[in-house]
Amino acid sequence: MTPMMVITKPVDRAFLKELAKERFGDMVKAVVDCERGIMAIGGELHADEEQLLLEDGSKQEVLWGINIYPDDESSDWIEFDSMINLRPSQSNRSRGIEDKKIREIILRIVSQLVK
């Protein structure tokens, strides 16, 4: 099984498809650092990927959990849903990401890192 990793340079969708098959079938969990423009992938839980990024120097308040569906060619290939997104202190009261600007930043970062 592929270990968790921090993605700083582009990877292709084929790689994510293989990673998805190893864990969840059609989906890869990821945590995006909106400040550093990187993401962690390959964990069973978003919390595991969050911890990997924290150990790598990220700040918790800029980390957001998503699910990537590499086979999906539509605009729905990224799902903004994770328990780590529950942050009442940051006005995010759901597992989704309520701030449109944060979602846009995440979409830009993931689009740069996944080709």
C-alpha atoms as a PDB file:
ATOM      1  CA  MET A   1       0.000   0.000   0.000  1.00  0.00           C
ATOM      2  CA  THR A   2       1.268   3.449  -0.923  1.00  0.00           C
ATOM      3  CA  PRO A   3       2.198   5.489   2.185  1.00  0.00           C
ATOM      4  CA  MET A   4       0.830   8.940   2.902  1.00  0.00           C
ATOM      5  CA  MET A   5       2.748  11.683   1.161  1.00  0.00           C
ATOM      6  CA  VAL A   6       2.978  15.427   0.862  1.00  0.00           C
ATOM      7  CA  ILE A   7       2.426  16.599  -2.721  1.00  0.00           C
ATOM      8  CA  THR A   8       4.443  19.678  -3.661  1.00  0.00           C
ATOM      9  CA  LYS A   9       4.819  19.008  -7.402  1.00  0.00           C
ATOM     10  CA  PRO A  10       2.134  17.939  -9.899  1.00  0.00           C
ATOM     11  CA  VAL A  11       0.974  14.327 -10.050  1.00  0.00           C
ATOM     12  CA  ASP A  12      -1.246  12.872 -12.733  1.00  0.00           C
ATOM     13  CA  ARG A  13      -4.758  11.575 -12.330  1.00  0.00           C
ATOM     14  CA  ALA A  14      -3.606   8.067 -13.240  1.00  0.00           C
ATOM     15  CA  PHE A  15      -1.520   8.013 -10.062  1.00  0.00           C
ATOM     16  CA  LEU A  16      -4.516   9.144  -8.012  1.00  0.00           C
ATOM     17  CA  LYS A  17      -6.707   6.495  -9.647  1.00  0.00           C
ATOM     18  CA  GLU A  18      -4.275   3.794  -8.527  1.00  0.00           C
ATOM     19  CA  LEU A  19      -4.121   5.276  -5.040  1.00  0.00           C
ATOM     20  CA  ALA A  20      -7.925   5.344  -4.902  1.00  0.00           C
ATOM     21  CA  LYS A  21      -8.101   1.638  -5.805  1.00  0.00           C
ATOM     22  CA  GLU A  22      -5.810   0.828  -2.869  1.00  0.00           C
ATOM     23  CA  ARG A  23      -8.044   2.493  -0.288  1.00  0.00           C
ATOM     24  CA  PHE A  24     -11.594   3.538  -1.172  1.00  0.00           C
ATOM     25  CA  GLY A  25     -12.135   2.399  -4.758  1.00  0.00           C
ATOM     26  CA  ASP A  26     -12.970   5.675  -6.488  1.00  0.00           C
ATOM     27  CA  MET A  27     -11.854   8.361  -4.032  1.00  0.00           C
ATOM     28  CA  VAL A  28      -8.685   9.764  -2.480  1.00  0.00           C
ATOM     29  CA  LYS A  29      -8.787  11.711   0.758  1.00  0.00           C
ATOM     30  CA  ALA A  30      -6.605  14.814   0.801  1.00  0.00           C
ATOM     31  CA  VAL A  31      -5.792  17.717   3.074  1.00  0.00           C
ATOM     32  CA  VAL A  32      -4.863  20.989   1.413  1.00  0.00           C
ATOM     33  CA  ASP A  33      -2.627  23.652   2.939  1.00  0.00           C
ATOM     34  CA  CYS A  34      -4.123  26.872   1.562  1.00  0.00           C
ATOM     35  CA  GLU A  35      -1.122  28.941   2.606  1.00  0.00           C
ATOM     36  CA  ARG A  36       1.718  26.756   1.274  1.00  0.00           C
ATOM     37  CA  GLY A  37      -0.120  25.472  -1.821  1.00  0.00           C
ATOM     38  CA  ILE A  38       0.524  21.798  -1.060  1.00  0.00           C
ATOM     39  CA  MET A  39      -1.554  18.802  -0.042  1.00  0.00           C
ATOM     40  CA  ALA A  40      -1.236  15.476   1.709  1.00  0.00           C
ATOM     41  CA  ILE A  41      -2.783  12.342   0.199  1.00  0.00           C
ATOM     42  CA  GLY A  42      -2.914   8.616   0.857  1.00  0.00           C
ATOM     43  CA  GLY A  43      -4.290   8.540   4.377  1.00  0.00           C
ATOM     44  CA  GLU A  44      -7.161   6.499   5.669  1.00  0.00           C
ATOM     45  CA  LEU A  45      -8.378   9.527   7.627  1.00  0.00           C
ATOM     46  CA  HIS A  46      -8.129  13.234   6.887  1.00  0.00           C
ATOM     47  CA  ALA A  47      -6.819  13.616  10.443  1.00  0.00           C
ATOM     48  CA  ASP A  48      -3.797  11.451   9.556  1.00  0.00           C
ATOM     49  CA  GLU A  49      -2.975  13.657   6.567  1.00  0.00           C
ATOM     50  CA  GLU A  50      -3.548  16.770   8.669  1.00  0.00           C
ATOM     51  CA  GLN A  51      -1.023  15.465  11.203  1.00  0.00           C
ATOM     52  CA  LEU A  52       1.507  14.771   8.433  1.00  0.00           C
ATOM     53  CA  LEU A  53       1.225  18.373   7.232  1.00  0.00           C
ATOM     54  CA  LEU A  54       1.453  19.752  10.768  1.00  0.00           C
ATOM     55  CA  GLU A  55       4.677  17.784  11.249  1.00  0.00           C
ATOM     56  CA  ASP A  56       5.871  19.271   7.950  1.00  0.00           C
ATOM     57  CA  GLY A  57       5.391  22.826   9.221  1.00  0.00           C
ATOM     58  CA  SER A  58       1.814  23.669   8.231  1.00  0.00           C
ATOM     59  CA  LYS A  59      -0.557  25.670  10.444  1.00  0.00           C
ATOM     60  CA  GLN A  60      -3.798  23.935  11.408  1.00  0.00           C
ATOM     61  CA  GLU A  61      -6.028  26.924  10.628  1.00  0.00           C
ATOM     62  CA  VAL A  62      -5.140  26.781   6.908  1.00  0.00           C
ATOM     63  CA  LEU A  63      -5.624  23.005   6.482  1.00  0.00           C
ATOM     64  CA  TRP A  64      -8.851  21.766   4.911  1.00  0.00           C
ATOM     65  CA  GLY A  65     -10.018  18.237   4.151  1.00  0.00           C
ATOM     66  CA  ILE A  66     -11.407  17.214   0.777  1.00  0.00           C
ATOM     67  CA  ASN A  67     -12.135  14.096  -1.244  1.00  0.00           C
ATOM     68  CA  ILE A  68     -10.852  13.764  -4.796  1.00  0.00           C
ATOM     69  CA  TYR A  69     -12.625  11.560  -7.345  1.00  0.00           C
ATOM     70  CA  PRO A  70      -9.940  11.154 -10.056  1.00  0.00           C
ATOM     71  CA  ASP A  71     -12.245   9.308 -12.495  1.00  0.00           C
ATOM     72  CA  ASP A  72     -14.809  12.119 -12.441  1.00  0.00           C
ATOM     73  CA  GLU A  73     -14.253  14.590 -15.296  1.00  0.00           C
ATOM     74  CA  SER A  74     -17.025  16.932 -14.117  1.00  0.00           C
ATOM     75  CA  SER A  75     -16.747  19.911 -11.790  1.00  0.00           C
ATOM     76  CA  ASP A  76     -17.775  17.562  -8.950  1.00  0.00           C
ATOM     77  CA  TRP A  77     -14.411  15.768  -8.893  1.00  0.00           C
ATOM     78  CA  ILE A  78     -13.577  17.547  -5.615  1.00  0.00           C
ATOM     79  CA  GLU A  79     -15.854  17.122  -2.602  1.00  0.00           C
ATOM     80  CA  PHE A  80     -15.461  19.571   0.281  1.00  0.00           C
ATOM     81  CA  ASP A  81     -16.333  17.184   3.108  1.00  0.00           C
ATOM     82  CA  SER A  82     -14.286  16.233   6.159  1.00  0.00           C
ATOM     83  CA  MET A  83     -14.623  16.067   9.921  1.00  0.00           C
ATOM     84  CA  ILE A  84     -11.483  18.224  10.238  1.00  0.00           C
ATOM     85  CA  ASN A  85     -13.418  21.066   8.604  1.00  0.00           C
ATOM     86  CA  LEU A  86     -15.679  21.465  11.652  1.00  0.00           C
ATOM     87  CA  ARG A  87     -14.334  24.749  13.026  1.00  0.00           C
ATOM     88  CA  PRO A  88     -16.824  26.931  14.846  1.00  0.00           C
ATOM     89  CA  SER A  89     -13.970  29.255  15.873  1.00  0.00           C
ATOM     90  CA  GLN A  90     -13.398  29.948  12.154  1.00  0.00           C
ATOM     91  CA  SER A  91     -17.137  30.247  11.417  1.00  0.00           C
ATOM     92  CA  ASN A  92     -17.212  26.854   9.705  1.00  0.00           C
ATOM     93  CA  ARG A  93     -19.947  24.900  11.457  1.00  0.00           C
ATOM     94  CA  SER A  94     -20.197  21.930   9.105  1.00  0.00           C
ATOM     95  CA  ARG A  95     -18.044  19.226   7.562  1.00  0.00           C
ATOM     96  CA  GLY A  96     -18.214  21.183   4.316  1.00  0.00           C
ATOM     97  CA  ILE A  97     -16.202  24.296   3.585  1.00  0.00           C
ATOM     98  CA  GLU A  98     -18.629  27.181   3.847  1.00  0.00           C
ATOM     99  CA  ASP A  99     -16.312  30.015   2.738  1.00  0.00           C
ATOM    100  CA  LYS A 100     -16.439  30.358  -1.054  1.00  0.00           C
ATOM    101  CA  LYS A 101     -12.988  32.006  -1.139  1.00  0.00           C
ATOM    102  CA  ILE A 102     -11.408  29.043   0.643  1.00  0.00           C
ATOM    103  CA  ARG A 103     -13.106  26.620  -1.765  1.00  0.00           C
ATOM    104  CA  GLU A 104     -11.728  28.641  -4.701  1.00  0.00           C
ATOM    105  CA  ILE A 105      -8.206  28.562  -3.230  1.00  0.00           C
ATOM    106  CA  ILE A 106      -8.469  24.801  -2.774  1.00  0.00           C
ATOM    107  CA  LEU A 107      -9.708  24.309  -6.344  1.00  0.00           C
ATOM    108  CA  ARG A 108      -6.793  26.350  -7.668  1.00  0.00           C
ATOM    109  CA  ILE A 109      -4.205  24.434  -5.617  1.00  0.00           C
ATOM    110  CA  VAL A 110      -5.604  21.007  -6.493  1.00  0.00           C
ATOM    111  CA  SER A 111      -5.835  21.952 -10.174  1.00  0.00           C
ATOM    112  CA  GLN A 112      -2.162  22.945 -10.094  1.00  0.00           C
ATOM    113  CA  LEU A 113      -1.118  19.748  -8.311  1.00  0.00           C
ATOM    114  CA  VAL A 114      -3.252  17.253 -10.259  1.00  0.00           C
ATOM    115  CA  LYS A 115      -2.734  17.106 -14.028  1.00  0.00           C
END
